[in-house]
């Protein structure tokens, strides 16, 4: 049961930002392989570090084709928007990667085995799930400050940026998906969207302090794995993309039903 709840929570972490702001539109590439294999493609949206055995990763128009768009040297960072299983290998699609030698940016596929995933909010959630709880506060400190420093996760080395001014209406409708209290007693809230920033944390006890000590610095990048607890998938890995899509669809359906129920009550 715990793993099922955890899976739903992390599905929300990935899914909610798409519905948080009407101005944001999900970007899908004009890519033949993407369009033909849409059913088996999963949205990932995580940053990765290139670490290929040959010293570089090859970006291709599609998994398995002979030609290449460009080569990305080890040590570079790549944002992987989508992933797909093809002939027993996972490939990641990056959108708008700069290709200076061609004077353009391009969408392309890279073998996931040539990448390491960078520590992020999902990594933090995997490690601290048992410590999450529903926020019951009233945003007192946030209202008093009228501003907020946004963090990638509690205890990170540096914040993402600072919202210099928060309107009362923004605070009134601010939704904290989960809360977390660190060892020093500071309370943090996870917010899926705020002023263009997605999946960020706010220290609700000390919202405008950009100098909170880094008690949870990012570890070195790790190999991306499809069988980590947040996927809650066991057995044949070829079923992973389809099952994750089904999971996300179930979350959407449950949300729709709950909205209808509560709407009728009001």
Foldseek 3Di string as FASTA:
>chain_A
DVLVVLLLLVLCQVPVLCVPDPVDHDDDDPAPQCVVPVLFKDFDFFKKFFAAPVQWWFWDSDPPDDDTDDTGGGGDMFTFGMWGADPNFIKTWGAQCDDVVVPGTGITITTLQRIFTWDFLVNVCLVCVVQKDADPDQLVQCVVQQKFFWARDPLEQWTPGIGNGHDPVCSVPFDFPIWGADPVGFIKGWGQDDPHDGGIIARSRHGPDGPDHRPDYIDPTHRDDLPRSNQVDDDDPNCSSNVSVVSSVVSVVVVVVVVVVVVVVD
